Amino acid sequence: MAIAEPHARQQGDGEPPASDPPGSRRRHPWRRRILLTVTALVAAAVVVLGTLAGTYQPIRGGGESGTRFPGLPTGTGLRSVNTFGVDPGQTYVPPQRGAFTILQALSNVGPEPVTIEAISILSPQQQAEETEGEPGYPLTLAGAVRWIPACCGSWPASGRPVAGLSLAPGQDILIGIPLRQSGTCYSPNGFISPDGFYVKERYLTFTHWVTVPFQPALVLHYPSVPGQKVPPGYVCLSK
């Protein structure tokens, strides 16, 4: 009688599955879900923090102001006008060829330090136009903006350049902005009040141009535009 050959066992014959070979690892779907969840939360946090950092603008103006700053030109005839009651009025800048200085206060009102990259009297759009040959109007910078501490006794002999200054949370400084009127001719009956000055601040890797209104506001006669024909009725300064 022939002896039957043994048959190899196959899965599905009712036998239990073979155990995993030594050294193999079982897959755990819940670990993958946790990893995906953590990754999504981290990505969301990065987006939120990036958005907050990208809009962080703690620079504010206000407080002390004036027309004198150590080491910078004073100008001629600058004075306060339209001061009725508690109204701070405006600082009137009469037509002049020479440079003058406006003192303003700056503060970091936020919880994190920021770096002042630059200060300009021209808006970012005007700065772009100036690089293409358009003259600044109605004022231009007449030198580097400088700063001194806003406290602690008498003023130093001169300030230090403000570009590159890291402003700590709650820190107050005074800045001197040397300015010059764009043209040497002006409208005797027309006046203009610049919006303010512009501070380029940096926080982490983000930079912003922040508009800071002059306090009090500046007012001056419409100056002529350099390189353009002087309009009728304008008066020109003597040389």
C-alpha atoms as a PDB file:
ATOM      1  CA  MET A   1       0.000   0.000   0.000  1.00  0.00           C
ATOM      2  CA  ALA A   2       1.438   3.365  -1.061  1.00  0.00           C
ATOM      3  CA  ILE A   3       2.308   5.769   1.552  1.00  0.00           C
ATOM      4  CA  ALA A   4       0.661   9.195   0.978  1.00  0.00           C
ATOM      5  CA  GLU A   5       2.975  12.168   0.799  1.00  0.00           C
ATOM      6  CA  PRO A   6       2.384  14.835   3.395  1.00  0.00           C
ATOM      7  CA  HIS A   7       0.668  17.990   2.128  1.00  0.00           C
ATOM      8  CA  ALA A   8       2.027  21.505   2.956  1.00  0.00           C
ATOM      9  CA  ARG A   9      -0.285  23.412   5.197  1.00  0.00           C
ATOM     10  CA  GLN A  10      -1.739  26.652   3.757  1.00  0.00           C
ATOM     11  CA  GLN A  11      -3.482  29.523   5.412  1.00  0.00           C
ATOM     12  CA  GLY A  12      -7.191  29.305   5.123  1.00  0.00           C
ATOM     13  CA  ASP A  13      -7.281  25.621   6.029  1.00  0.00           C
ATOM     14  CA  GLY A  14      -8.634  26.461   9.406  1.00  0.00           C
ATOM     15  CA  GLU A  15      -5.245  26.655  11.049  1.00  0.00           C
ATOM     16  CA  PRO A  16      -4.200  29.735  13.073  1.00  0.00           C
ATOM     17  CA  PRO A  17      -1.851  32.177  11.261  1.00  0.00           C
ATOM     18  CA  ALA A  18       1.803  31.776  11.780  1.00  0.00           C
ATOM     19  CA  SER A  19       3.369  34.055  14.337  1.00  0.00           C
ATOM     20  CA  ASP A  20       5.566  36.979  13.184  1.00  0.00           C
ATOM     21  CA  PRO A  21       9.147  35.964  12.560  1.00  0.00           C
ATOM     22  CA  PRO A  22      11.693  37.085  15.140  1.00  0.00           C
ATOM     23  CA  GLY A  23      12.778  40.713  14.811  1.00  0.00           C
ATOM     24  CA  SER A  24       9.693  41.846  12.890  1.00  0.00           C
ATOM     25  CA  ARG A  25       7.509  44.763  14.157  1.00  0.00           C
ATOM     26  CA  ARG A  26       3.794  45.015  14.123  1.00  0.00           C
ATOM     27  CA  ARG A  27       2.327  48.181  12.604  1.00  0.00           C
ATOM     28  CA  HIS A  28       0.404  50.447  14.961  1.00  0.00           C
ATOM     29  CA  PRO A  29      -2.061  52.721  13.106  1.00  0.00           C
ATOM     30  CA  TRP A  30      -2.663  54.796  16.208  1.00  0.00           C
ATOM     31  CA  ARG A  31       0.997  55.894  16.236  1.00  0.00           C
ATOM     32  CA  ARG A  32       0.666  57.154  12.671  1.00  0.00           C
ATOM     33  CA  ARG A  33      -2.482  59.069  13.595  1.00  0.00           C
ATOM     34  CA  ILE A  34      -0.741  60.689  16.566  1.00  0.00           C
ATOM     35  CA  LEU A  35       2.242  61.639  14.390  1.00  0.00           C
ATOM     36  CA  LEU A  36      -0.018  63.202  11.763  1.00  0.00           C
ATOM     37  CA  THR A  37      -1.952  65.096  14.447  1.00  0.00           C
ATOM     38  CA  VAL A  38       1.226  66.448  16.064  1.00  0.00           C
ATOM     39  CA  THR A  39       2.609  67.446  12.662  1.00  0.00           C
ATOM     40  CA  ALA A  40      -0.608  69.308  11.827  1.00  0.00           C
ATOM     41  CA  LEU A  41      -0.587  71.105  15.193  1.00  0.00           C
ATOM     42  CA  VAL A  42       3.044  72.159  14.759  1.00  0.00           C
ATOM     43  CA  ALA A  43       2.357  73.417  11.233  1.00  0.00           C
ATOM     44  CA  ALA A  44      -0.670  75.378  12.469  1.00  0.00           C
ATOM     45  CA  ALA A  45       1.390  76.888  15.302  1.00  0.00           C
ATOM     46  CA  VAL A  46       4.110  77.939  12.847  1.00  0.00           C
ATOM     47  CA  VAL A  47       1.519  79.608  10.616  1.00  0.00           C
ATOM     48  CA  VAL A  48      -0.079  81.431  13.558  1.00  0.00           C
ATOM     49  CA  LEU A  49       3.251  82.584  14.980  1.00  0.00           C
ATOM     50  CA  GLY A  50       4.424  83.668  11.536  1.00  0.00           C
ATOM     51  CA  THR A  51       1.232  85.666  11.027  1.00  0.00           C
ATOM     52  CA  LEU A  52       1.567  87.333  14.423  1.00  0.00           C
ATOM     53  CA  ALA A  53       5.249  88.105  13.872  1.00  0.00           C
ATOM     54  CA  GLY A  54       4.480  89.390  10.407  1.00  0.00           C
ATOM     55  CA  THR A  55       2.031  91.955  11.789  1.00  0.00           C
ATOM     56  CA  TYR A  56       3.861  92.853  15.020  1.00  0.00           C
ATOM     57  CA  GLN A  57       4.228  96.649  15.017  1.00  0.00           C
ATOM     58  CA  PRO A  58       4.768  98.001  18.549  1.00  0.00           C
ATOM     59  CA  ILE A  59       6.453 101.304  17.628  1.00  0.00           C
ATOM     60  CA  ARG A  60       4.438 104.325  18.765  1.00  0.00           C
ATOM     61  CA  GLY A  61       5.042 108.061  18.787  1.00  0.00           C
ATOM     62  CA  GLY A  62       3.902 110.682  21.251  1.00  0.00           C
ATOM     63  CA  GLY A  63       5.091 112.474  24.313  1.00  0.00           C
ATOM     64  CA  GLU A  64       7.908 114.984  24.148  1.00  0.00           C
ATOM     65  CA  SER A  65       8.437 117.045  20.991  1.00  0.00           C
ATOM     66  CA  GLY A  66      10.348 120.120  19.922  1.00  0.00           C
ATOM     67  CA  THR A  67      12.532 121.808  17.333  1.00  0.00           C
ATOM     68  CA  ARG A  68      15.948 121.388  18.954  1.00  0.00           C
ATOM     69  CA  PHE A  69      18.183 118.344  19.168  1.00  0.00           C
ATOM     70  CA  PRO A  70      21.820 118.151  20.272  1.00  0.00           C
ATOM     71  CA  GLY A  71      24.226 118.250  17.358  1.00  0.00           C
ATOM     72  CA  LEU A  72      21.603 118.878  14.656  1.00  0.00           C
ATOM     73  CA  PRO A  73      20.606 122.147  12.873  1.00  0.00           C
ATOM     74  CA  THR A  74      17.925 124.202  14.616  1.00  0.00           C
ATOM     75  CA  GLY A  75      16.416 126.099  11.695  1.00  0.00           C
ATOM     76  CA  THR A  76      14.885 129.574  11.663  1.00  0.00           C
ATOM     77  CA  GLY A  77      11.510 130.780  12.868  1.00  0.00           C
ATOM     78  CA  LEU A  78       9.906 127.444  13.774  1.00  0.00           C
ATOM     79  CA  ARG A  79       7.091 128.029  16.259  1.00  0.00           C
ATOM     80  CA  SER A  80       3.797 126.660  17.619  1.00  0.00           C
ATOM     81  CA  VAL A  81       0.606 127.988  16.023  1.00  0.00           C
ATOM     82  CA  ASN A  82      -3.142 127.469  16.450  1.00  0.00           C
ATOM     83  CA  THR A  83      -2.828 126.540  20.116  1.00  0.00           C
ATOM     84  CA  PHE A  84      -6.376 127.145  21.287  1.00  0.00           C
ATOM     85  CA  GLY A  85      -7.244 125.876  24.744  1.00  0.00           C
ATOM     86  CA  VAL A  86      -5.885 122.351  25.148  1.00  0.00           C
ATOM     87  CA  ASP A  87      -5.346 121.939  21.392  1.00  0.00           C
ATOM     88  CA  PRO A  88      -1.628 121.200  20.781  1.00  0.00           C
ATOM     89  CA  GLY A  89      -1.868 123.125  17.503  1.00  0.00           C
ATOM     90  CA  GLN A  90       0.827 122.703  14.862  1.00  0.00           C
ATOM     91  CA  THR A  91       4.500 123.401  14.439  1.00  0.00           C
ATOM     92  CA  TYR A  92       4.837 126.057  11.725  1.00  0.00           C
ATOM     93  CA  VAL A  93       7.956 125.784   9.548  1.00  0.00           C
ATOM     94  CA  PRO A  94       8.518 129.015   7.592  1.00  0.00           C
ATOM     95  CA  PRO A  95      10.160 128.827   4.144  1.00  0.00           C
ATOM     96  CA  GLN A  96      13.942 128.504   4.408  1.00  0.00           C
ATOM     97  CA  ARG A  97      16.879 127.169   2.453  1.00  0.00           C
ATOM     98  CA  GLY A  98      18.702 125.687   5.413  1.00  0.00           C
ATOM     99  CA  ALA A  99      18.044 122.483   7.295  1.00  0.00           C
ATOM    100  CA  PHE A 100      15.985 122.306  10.471  1.00  0.00           C
ATOM    101  CA  THR A 101      15.259 119.578  13.001  1.00  0.00           C
ATOM    102  CA  ILE A 102      12.086 118.137  14.467  1.00  0.00           C
ATOM    103  CA  LEU A 103      12.342 116.268  17.783  1.00  0.00           C
ATOM    104  CA  GLN A 104       9.897 113.426  18.358  1.00  0.00           C
ATOM    105  CA  ALA A 105       9.449 110.662  20.933  1.00  0.00           C
ATOM    106  CA  LEU A 106       9.286 106.959  20.104  1.00  0.00           C
ATOM    107  CA  SER A 107       8.277 104.045  22.322  1.00  0.00           C
ATOM    108  CA  ASN A 108       8.169 100.264  22.103  1.00  0.00           C
ATOM    109  CA  VAL A 109       4.779  99.450  23.628  1.00  0.00           C
ATOM    110  CA  GLY A 110       4.998  95.716  22.875  1.00  0.00           C
ATOM    111  CA  PRO A 111       6.285  92.775  24.933  1.00  0.00           C
ATOM    112  CA  GLU A 112       9.163  91.960  22.546  1.00  0.00           C
ATOM    113  CA  PRO A 113      12.198  93.965  21.386  1.00  0.00           C
ATOM    114  CA  VAL A 114      12.262  95.357  17.852  1.00  0.00           C
ATOM    115  CA  THR A 115      15.068  96.810  15.761  1.00  0.00           C
ATOM    116  CA  ILE A 116      14.775 100.158  14.007  1.00  0.00           C
ATOM    117  CA  GLU A 117      16.203  99.599  10.546  1.00  0.00           C
ATOM    118  CA  ALA A 118      15.642 103.120   9.185  1.00  0.00           C
ATOM    119  CA  ILE A 119      13.579 106.294   9.494  1.00  0.00           C
ATOM    120  CA  SER A 120      12.408 108.289   6.484  1.00  0.00           C
ATOM    121  CA  ILE A 121      10.270 111.332   5.821  1.00  0.00           C
ATOM    122  CA  LEU A 122       9.131 109.660   2.590  1.00  0.00           C
ATOM    123  CA  SER A 123       6.579 106.871   2.390  1.00  0.00           C
ATOM    124  CA  PRO A 124       7.725 103.522   0.917  1.00  0.00           C
ATOM    125  CA  GLN A 125       6.037 104.470  -2.367  1.00  0.00           C
ATOM    126  CA  GLN A 126       7.781 107.858  -2.420  1.00  0.00           C
ATOM    127  CA  GLN A 127      11.087 106.142  -1.671  1.00  0.00           C
ATOM    128  CA  ALA A 128      10.576 103.872  -4.682  1.00  0.00           C
ATOM    129  CA  GLU A 129       9.730 106.883  -6.831  1.00  0.00           C
ATOM    130  CA  GLU A 130      12.816 108.713  -5.574  1.00  0.00           C
ATOM    131  CA  THR A 131      15.055 105.844  -6.688  1.00  0.00           C
ATOM    132  CA  GLU A 132      13.539 106.270 -10.155  1.00  0.00           C
ATOM    133  CA  GLY A 133      14.407 109.983 -10.218  1.00  0.00           C
ATOM    134  CA  GLU A 134      11.322 111.584  -8.681  1.00  0.00           C
ATOM    135  CA  PRO A 135      12.262 114.237  -6.086  1.00  0.00           C
ATOM    136  CA  GLY A 136      11.039 113.854  -2.524  1.00  0.00           C
ATOM    137  CA  TYR A 137       8.182 116.182  -1.572  1.00  0.00           C
ATOM    138  CA  PRO A 138       7.435 118.324   0.392  1.00  0.00           C
ATOM    139  CA  LEU A 139      10.352 117.508   2.707  1.00  0.00           C
ATOM    140  CA  THR A 140      13.543 115.492   2.424  1.00  0.00           C
ATOM    141  CA  LEU A 141      15.993 114.238   5.010  1.00  0.00           C
ATOM    142  CA  ALA A 142      18.975 116.533   5.559  1.00  0.00           C
ATOM    143  CA  GLY A 143      21.137 113.950   7.312  1.00  0.00           C
ATOM    144  CA  ALA A 144      21.032 110.866   9.501  1.00  0.00           C
ATOM    145  CA  VAL A 145      18.254 110.579  12.084  1.00  0.00           C
ATOM    146  CA  ARG A 146      19.761 110.390  15.570  1.00  0.00           C
ATOM    147  CA  TRP A 147      18.531 109.396  19.012  1.00  0.00           C
ATOM    148  CA  ILE A 148      19.109 110.039  22.714  1.00  0.00           C
ATOM    149  CA  PRO A 149      17.547 108.463  25.820  1.00  0.00           C
ATOM    150  CA  ALA A 150      14.216 109.951  26.866  1.00  0.00           C
ATOM    151  CA  CYS A 151      15.195 110.214  30.509  1.00  0.00           C
ATOM    152  CA  CYS A 152      17.914 110.583  32.967  1.00  0.00           C
ATOM    153  CA  GLY A 153      19.156 114.116  33.284  1.00  0.00           C
ATOM    154  CA  SER A 154      20.729 116.484  30.794  1.00  0.00           C
ATOM    155  CA  TRP A 155      21.084 115.802  27.101  1.00  0.00           C
ATOM    156  CA  PRO A 156      24.379 114.571  25.672  1.00  0.00           C
ATOM    157  CA  ALA A 157      26.384 116.731  23.283  1.00  0.00           C
ATOM    158  CA  SER A 158      25.035 114.793  20.318  1.00  0.00           C
ATOM    159  CA  GLY A 159      22.869 111.800  19.571  1.00  0.00           C
ATOM    160  CA  ARG A 160      23.727 108.493  17.974  1.00  0.00           C
ATOM    161  CA  PRO A 161      22.429 107.155  14.629  1.00  0.00           C
ATOM    162  CA  VAL A 162      19.111 105.430  15.159  1.00  0.00           C
ATOM    163  CA  ALA A 163      19.532 102.895  12.341  1.00  0.00           C
ATOM    164  CA  GLY A 164      20.247  99.497  13.883  1.00  0.00           C
ATOM    165  CA  LEU A 165      18.983 100.396  17.360  1.00  0.00           C
ATOM    166  CA  SER A 166      17.261  97.532  19.221  1.00  0.00           C
ATOM    167  CA  LEU A 167      14.384  99.003  21.200  1.00  0.00           C
ATOM    168  CA  ALA A 168      13.575  96.989  24.326  1.00  0.00           C
ATOM    169  CA  PRO A 169       9.993  96.499  25.564  1.00  0.00           C
ATOM    170  CA  GLY A 170       8.828  99.681  27.260  1.00  0.00           C
ATOM    171  CA  GLN A 171      11.887 101.665  26.128  1.00  0.00           C
ATOM    172  CA  ASP A 172      11.374 105.349  25.227  1.00  0.00           C
ATOM    173  CA  ILE A 173      13.751 107.420  23.121  1.00  0.00           C
ATOM    174  CA  LEU A 174      13.898 110.876  21.569  1.00  0.00           C
ATOM    175  CA  ILE A 175      14.854 111.192  17.919  1.00  0.00           C
ATOM    176  CA  GLY A 176      16.064 114.186  15.953  1.00  0.00           C
ATOM    177  CA  ILE A 177      14.923 114.262  12.314  1.00  0.00           C
ATOM    178  CA  PRO A 178      16.949 116.741  10.223  1.00  0.00           C
ATOM    179  CA  LEU A 179      14.815 118.024   7.351  1.00  0.00           C
ATOM    180  CA  ARG A 180      14.913 120.366   4.390  1.00  0.00           C
ATOM    181  CA  GLN A 181      12.077 121.784   2.304  1.00  0.00           C
ATOM    182  CA  SER A 182      12.009 120.379  -1.211  1.00  0.00           C
ATOM    183  CA  GLY A 183      11.939 123.659  -3.118  1.00  0.00           C
ATOM    184  CA  THR A 184      13.245 127.178  -2.659  1.00  0.00           C
ATOM    185  CA  CYS A 185       9.997 128.762  -3.896  1.00  0.00           C
ATOM    186  CA  TYR A 186       6.657 128.521  -2.139  1.00  0.00           C
ATOM    187  CA  SER A 187       2.991 129.418  -2.240  1.00  0.00           C
ATOM    188  CA  PRO A 188       2.376 132.303   0.207  1.00  0.00           C
ATOM    189  CA  ASN A 189      -1.311 131.392   0.596  1.00  0.00           C
ATOM    190  CA  GLY A 190      -1.177 127.600   0.393  1.00  0.00           C
ATOM    191  CA  PHE A 191      -0.258 125.236   3.212  1.00  0.00           C
ATOM    192  CA  ILE A 192       0.508 121.536   3.481  1.00  0.00           C
ATOM    193  CA  SER A 193       0.760 119.255   6.509  1.00  0.00           C
ATOM    194  CA  PRO A 194       2.877 116.097   6.011  1.00  0.00           C
ATOM    195  CA  ASP A 195       1.298 112.864   7.238  1.00  0.00           C
ATOM    196  CA  GLY A 196       4.238 112.085   9.502  1.00  0.00           C
ATOM    197  CA  PHE A 197       7.442 110.103   9.277  1.00  0.00           C
ATOM    198  CA  TYR A 198       8.062 106.413   8.587  1.00  0.00           C
ATOM    199  CA  VAL A 199       9.884 103.885  10.753  1.00  0.00           C
ATOM    200  CA  LYS A 200      11.176 100.630   9.301  1.00  0.00           C
ATOM    201  CA  GLU A 201      11.126  98.114  12.147  1.00  0.00           C
ATOM    202  CA  ARG A 202      12.321  94.511  12.225  1.00  0.00           C
ATOM    203  CA  TYR A 203      11.030  91.690  14.399  1.00  0.00           C
ATOM    204  CA  LEU A 204      12.574  88.240  13.861  1.00  0.00           C
ATOM    205  CA  THR A 205      12.870  88.026  10.060  1.00  0.00           C
ATOM    206  CA  PHE A 206       9.956  90.378   9.333  1.00  0.00           C
ATOM    207  CA  THR A 207      10.252  94.084   8.487  1.00  0.00           C
ATOM    208  CA  HIS A 208       7.536  96.740   8.274  1.00  0.00           C
ATOM    209  CA  TRP A 209       7.264 100.432   7.503  1.00  0.00           C
ATOM    210  CA  VAL A 210       5.180 102.046  10.245  1.00  0.00           C
ATOM    211  CA  THR A 211       3.637 105.507   9.832  1.00  0.00           C
ATOM    212  CA  VAL A 212       4.134 107.716  12.890  1.00  0.00           C
ATOM    213  CA  PRO A 213       2.221 111.027  12.840  1.00  0.00           C
ATOM    214  CA  PHE A 214       4.071 114.164  13.882  1.00  0.00           C
ATOM    215  CA  GLN A 215       2.907 115.277  17.311  1.00  0.00           C
ATOM    216  CA  PRO A 216       2.041 118.080  17.039  1.00  0.00           C
ATOM    217  CA  ALA A 217       1.481 118.184  13.276  1.00  0.00           C
ATOM    218  CA  LEU A 218       3.803 120.132  10.985  1.00  0.00           C
ATOM    219  CA  VAL A 219       2.480 122.833   8.696  1.00  0.00           C
ATOM    220  CA  LEU A 220       4.402 124.641   5.960  1.00  0.00           C
ATOM    221  CA  HIS A 221       3.767 126.533   2.758  1.00  0.00           C
ATOM    222  CA  TYR A 222       3.504 124.464  -0.410  1.00  0.00           C
ATOM    223  CA  PRO A 223       7.087 124.359  -1.708  1.00  0.00           C
ATOM    224  CA  SER A 224       7.879 124.179  -5.394  1.00  0.00           C
ATOM    225  CA  VAL A 225       8.909 120.840  -6.879  1.00  0.00           C
ATOM    226  CA  PRO A 226      12.611 120.695  -7.811  1.00  0.00           C
ATOM    227  CA  GLY A 227      13.154 120.483 -11.552  1.00  0.00           C
ATOM    228  CA  GLN A 228       9.655 121.694 -12.425  1.00  0.00           C
ATOM    229  CA  LYS A 229       8.484 125.114 -13.557  1.00  0.00           C
ATOM    230  CA  VAL A 230       7.573 127.388 -10.666  1.00  0.00           C
ATOM    231  CA  PRO A 231       3.785 127.944 -10.681  1.00  0.00           C
ATOM    232  CA  PRO A 232       2.406 131.506 -10.988  1.00  0.00           C
ATOM    233  CA  GLY A 233       2.055 133.338  -7.688  1.00  0.00           C
ATOM    234  CA  TYR A 234       4.873 131.451  -5.960  1.00  0.00           C
ATOM    235  CA  VAL A 235       7.516 133.455  -4.107  1.00  0.00           C
ATOM    236  CA  CYS A 236      11.173 132.432  -4.320  1.00  0.00           C
ATOM    237  CA  LEU A 237      13.674 132.725  -1.495  1.00  0.00           C
ATOM    238  CA  SER A 238      16.630 135.030  -2.067  1.00  0.00           C
ATOM    239  CA  LYS A 239      20.015 133.434  -2.414  1.00  0.00           C
END
